[in-house]
Amino acid sequence: MPELESLSHTALAGQFFGLVALAICLVAFASKNDDRLLVLLISANVAFALQFAFFSSWTAAALTVLVIARIVLARRYVGSQWVMWMVLVANLVAAALTWRDWVDVLPLTAATLGTIAMFLLRGIAMRIMLGLAALAWMLNNLAIGSIGGTLAEGMIFVTNVITIIRMARARQRYPGVPVDETGPVDTSDRPPR
């Protein structure tokens, strides 16, 4: 990564927004409230989009804007394959319109994995896909030289790995019981499936 003194004003702005995104991600993943987490993740993605724009990484910027919409849509239309396919097509169109070089395959891969994970998967499977998406975003941030973005996605990747391990251990400890990231889920008041 280049020395800070040699960076242009736009590159410095990109680094700044990458660090802002990192700070928001730290606060977001410390939150136990799902609604607050959602708002913070949207805010972090606004900062990521600005970071990518300042680095002239247009495919990543466009796909990050679509990630914001995807977060809201996936929460509202859980499991909807129709909405998922609309988001995937929007990702492809945005990538086709902004594509510059090989690095753009990384944000497209990340956006695709994240979309499939958020609409179709739950539990460990979802976190594996989101971890792979974070890895692709991290590689993209490394390729464009973003310090904050690389650290933020690295933190997201590690958090996913830790959560997957915790969930797998809980499954072993409570076989046959639906388990979320904090322990067994009380299903006594739920109707049978």
Protein backbone atom coordinates (compact mmCIF):
# COMPACT_ATOMS: atom_id res chain seq x y z
CA MET A 1 0.00 0.00 0.00
CA PRO A 2 1.30 3.46 -0.84
CA GLU A 3 2.55 5.95 1.74
CA LEU A 4 -0.16 8.39 2.87
CA GLU A 5 1.91 11.42 1.85
CA SER A 6 2.00 10.24 -1.77
CA LEU A 7 -1.78 9.76 -2.05
CA SER A 8 -3.98 12.15 -4.02
CA HIS A 9 -6.86 13.95 -2.32
CA THR A 10 -9.35 11.50 -3.84
CA ALA A 11 -7.33 8.50 -2.63
CA LEU A 12 -7.14 10.06 0.85
CA ALA A 13 -10.91 10.55 0.78
CA GLY A 14 -11.27 6.90 -0.22
CA GLN A 15 -9.08 5.85 2.73
CA PHE A 16 -11.13 8.11 5.03
CA PHE A 17 -14.45 6.53 3.99
CA GLY A 18 -12.93 3.05 4.29
CA LEU A 19 -11.99 3.84 7.89
CA VAL A 20 -15.47 5.29 8.53
CA ALA A 21 -16.97 2.04 7.21
CA LEU A 22 -14.65 0.07 9.51
CA ALA A 23 -15.77 2.12 12.54
CA ILE A 24 -19.45 1.66 11.67
CA CYS A 25 -18.94 -2.10 11.18
CA LEU A 26 -17.32 -2.37 14.61
CA VAL A 27 -20.31 -0.64 16.21
CA ALA A 28 -22.77 -2.66 14.10
CA PHE A 29 -21.40 -6.07 15.02
CA ALA A 30 -21.35 -5.10 18.70
CA SER A 31 -25.09 -4.36 18.55
CA LYS A 32 -27.52 -6.94 19.90
CA ASN A 33 -30.53 -5.17 18.35
CA ASP A 34 -31.36 -6.40 14.82
CA ASP A 35 -32.98 -3.12 13.74
CA ARG A 36 -29.97 -1.10 14.89
CA LEU A 37 -27.65 -3.59 13.17
CA LEU A 38 -29.62 -3.14 9.93
CA VAL A 39 -29.38 0.66 10.07
CA LEU A 40 -25.67 0.51 10.87
CA LEU A 41 -24.98 -1.95 8.04
CA ILE A 42 -26.78 0.34 5.61
CA SER A 43 -24.68 3.26 6.90
CA ALA A 44 -21.48 1.22 6.55
CA ASN A 45 -22.39 0.37 2.96
CA VAL A 46 -22.96 4.05 2.18
CA ALA A 47 -19.42 4.67 3.43
CA PHE A 48 -18.13 1.70 1.40
CA ALA A 49 -19.85 3.03 -1.75
CA LEU A 50 -18.21 6.43 -1.24
CA GLN A 51 -14.87 4.74 -0.64
CA PHE A 52 -15.15 2.79 -3.90
CA ALA A 53 -16.22 5.91 -5.80
CA PHE A 54 -13.16 7.82 -4.57
CA PHE A 55 -10.96 4.90 -5.61
CA SER A 56 -12.70 4.90 -9.03
CA SER A 57 -13.76 1.31 -8.43
CA TRP A 58 -17.10 1.82 -10.19
CA THR A 59 -18.32 -1.77 -10.27
CA ALA A 60 -17.75 -2.09 -6.52
CA ALA A 61 -19.46 1.26 -5.91
CA ALA A 62 -22.52 0.33 -8.00
CA LEU A 63 -22.81 -3.12 -6.44
CA THR A 64 -22.47 -1.67 -2.94
CA VAL A 65 -25.42 0.63 -3.63
CA LEU A 66 -27.35 -2.47 -4.69
CA VAL A 67 -26.22 -4.21 -1.47
CA ILE A 68 -28.04 -1.48 0.46
CA ALA A 69 -31.25 -2.24 -1.45
CA ARG A 70 -30.64 -5.98 -1.05
CA ILE A 71 -30.38 -5.70 2.75
CA VAL A 72 -33.80 -4.04 2.90
CA LEU A 73 -35.39 -6.39 0.34
CA ALA A 74 -33.97 -9.58 1.87
CA ARG A 75 -35.34 -8.62 5.26
CA ARG A 76 -38.78 -7.87 3.84
CA TYR A 77 -39.00 -10.72 1.30
CA VAL A 78 -37.24 -13.56 3.13
CA GLY A 79 -36.94 -16.61 0.89
CA SER A 80 -38.40 -14.92 -2.20
CA GLN A 81 -36.62 -16.37 -5.20
CA TRP A 82 -38.35 -13.90 -7.52
CA VAL A 83 -36.93 -10.89 -5.63
CA MET A 84 -33.55 -12.63 -5.35
CA TRP A 85 -33.42 -13.11 -9.14
CA MET A 86 -34.31 -9.43 -9.66
CA VAL A 87 -31.40 -8.42 -7.41
CA LEU A 88 -29.02 -10.84 -9.18
CA VAL A 89 -30.02 -9.45 -12.59
CA ALA A 90 -29.56 -5.89 -11.29
CA ASN A 91 -26.08 -6.92 -10.07
CA LEU A 92 -25.18 -8.27 -13.54
CA VAL A 93 -26.49 -5.15 -15.30
CA ALA A 94 -24.61 -2.84 -12.93
CA ALA A 95 -21.41 -4.87 -13.38
CA ALA A 96 -21.78 -4.90 -17.17
CA LEU A 97 -22.25 -1.12 -17.27
CA THR A 98 -19.27 -0.35 -15.02
CA TRP A 99 -16.80 -3.17 -15.77
CA ARG A 100 -13.18 -2.02 -16.22
CA ASP A 101 -10.82 -4.93 -15.51
CA TRP A 102 -10.35 -8.30 -13.81
CA VAL A 103 -10.64 -6.85 -10.29
CA ASP A 104 -14.33 -6.22 -10.93
CA VAL A 105 -14.98 -9.97 -10.74
CA LEU A 106 -14.39 -9.73 -6.97
CA PRO A 107 -17.28 -7.36 -6.09
CA LEU A 108 -19.55 -9.21 -8.54
CA THR A 109 -18.70 -12.50 -6.81
CA ALA A 110 -19.25 -10.94 -3.38
CA ALA A 111 -22.59 -9.41 -4.36
CA THR A 112 -23.79 -12.67 -5.90
CA LEU A 113 -22.80 -14.80 -2.88
CA GLY A 114 -24.31 -12.28 -0.46
CA THR A 115 -27.59 -12.13 -2.40
CA ILE A 116 -28.01 -15.91 -2.50
CA ALA A 117 -27.09 -16.18 1.18
CA MET A 118 -29.49 -13.51 2.37
CA PHE A 119 -32.50 -14.70 0.37
CA LEU A 120 -32.19 -18.49 0.41
CA LEU A 121 -30.03 -19.60 3.32
CA ARG A 122 -30.15 -19.49 7.11
CA GLY A 123 -27.87 -20.52 9.95
CA ILE A 124 -24.43 -21.94 9.23
CA ALA A 125 -24.96 -22.19 5.45
CA MET A 126 -25.85 -18.49 5.26
CA ARG A 127 -22.82 -17.51 7.32
CA ILE A 128 -20.49 -19.61 5.16
CA MET A 129 -21.73 -17.81 2.03
CA LEU A 130 -21.53 -14.41 3.75
CA GLY A 131 -18.01 -15.26 4.91
CA LEU A 132 -17.01 -16.08 1.32
CA ALA A 133 -18.61 -12.81 0.19
CA ALA A 134 -16.61 -10.92 2.84
CA LEU A 135 -13.45 -12.66 1.61
CA ALA A 136 -14.16 -11.49 -1.96
CA TRP A 137 -14.81 -7.92 -0.74
CA MET A 138 -11.58 -8.07 1.31
CA LEU A 139 -9.58 -9.15 -1.77
CA ASN A 140 -11.20 -6.32 -3.74
CA ASN A 141 -10.21 -3.81 -1.04
CA LEU A 142 -6.66 -5.17 -1.05
CA ALA A 143 -6.51 -4.83 -4.84
CA ILE A 144 -7.60 -1.17 -4.79
CA GLY A 145 -5.43 -0.33 -1.76
CA SER A 146 -8.10 0.44 0.86
CA ILE A 147 -6.80 0.04 4.41
CA GLY A 148 -10.11 0.53 6.25
CA GLY A 149 -12.10 -1.55 3.77
CA THR A 150 -9.62 -4.43 3.99
CA LEU A 151 -9.70 -4.37 7.80
CA ALA A 152 -13.51 -4.11 7.89
CA GLU A 153 -14.04 -7.07 5.58
CA GLY A 154 -11.35 -9.05 7.39
CA MET A 155 -13.21 -8.42 10.65
CA ILE A 156 -16.49 -9.49 9.06
CA PHE A 157 -14.85 -12.68 7.74
CA VAL A 158 -13.35 -13.57 11.15
CA THR A 159 -16.65 -12.78 12.91
CA ASN A 160 -18.46 -15.14 10.53
CA VAL A 161 -15.92 -17.92 11.14
CA ILE A 162 -16.25 -17.54 14.93
CA THR A 163 -20.05 -17.54 14.70
CA ILE A 164 -20.02 -20.66 12.49
CA ILE A 165 -17.84 -22.47 15.03
CA ARG A 166 -20.13 -21.41 17.89
CA MET A 167 -23.23 -22.56 15.99
CA ALA A 168 -21.64 -25.90 15.05
CA ARG A 169 -20.69 -26.53 18.70
CA ALA A 170 -24.21 -25.66 19.81
CA ARG A 171 -25.63 -28.12 17.25
CA GLN A 172 -23.38 -30.84 18.65
CA ARG A 173 -24.35 -29.98 22.20
CA TYR A 174 -28.11 -29.80 21.44
CA PRO A 175 -28.73 -32.34 18.64
CA GLY A 176 -32.12 -32.01 16.96
CA VAL A 177 -32.81 -28.60 18.50
CA PRO A 178 -32.88 -25.51 16.26
CA VAL A 179 -29.92 -23.40 17.34
CA ASP A 180 -29.18 -19.75 16.64
CA GLU A 181 -25.93 -17.96 17.39
CA THR A 182 -26.64 -17.66 21.13
CA GLY A 183 -27.91 -21.14 21.99
CA PRO A 184 -30.98 -23.32 21.67
CA VAL A 185 -34.09 -21.65 20.34
CA ASP A 186 -37.24 -22.11 22.40
CA THR A 187 -39.72 -23.76 20.03
CA SER A 188 -42.36 -24.70 22.59
CA ASP A 189 -44.75 -21.92 21.50
CA ARG A 190 -44.26 -22.47 17.76
CA PRO A 191 -46.69 -24.55 15.72
CA PRO A 192 -45.26 -27.76 14.20
CA ARG A 193 -43.92 -27.47 10.66
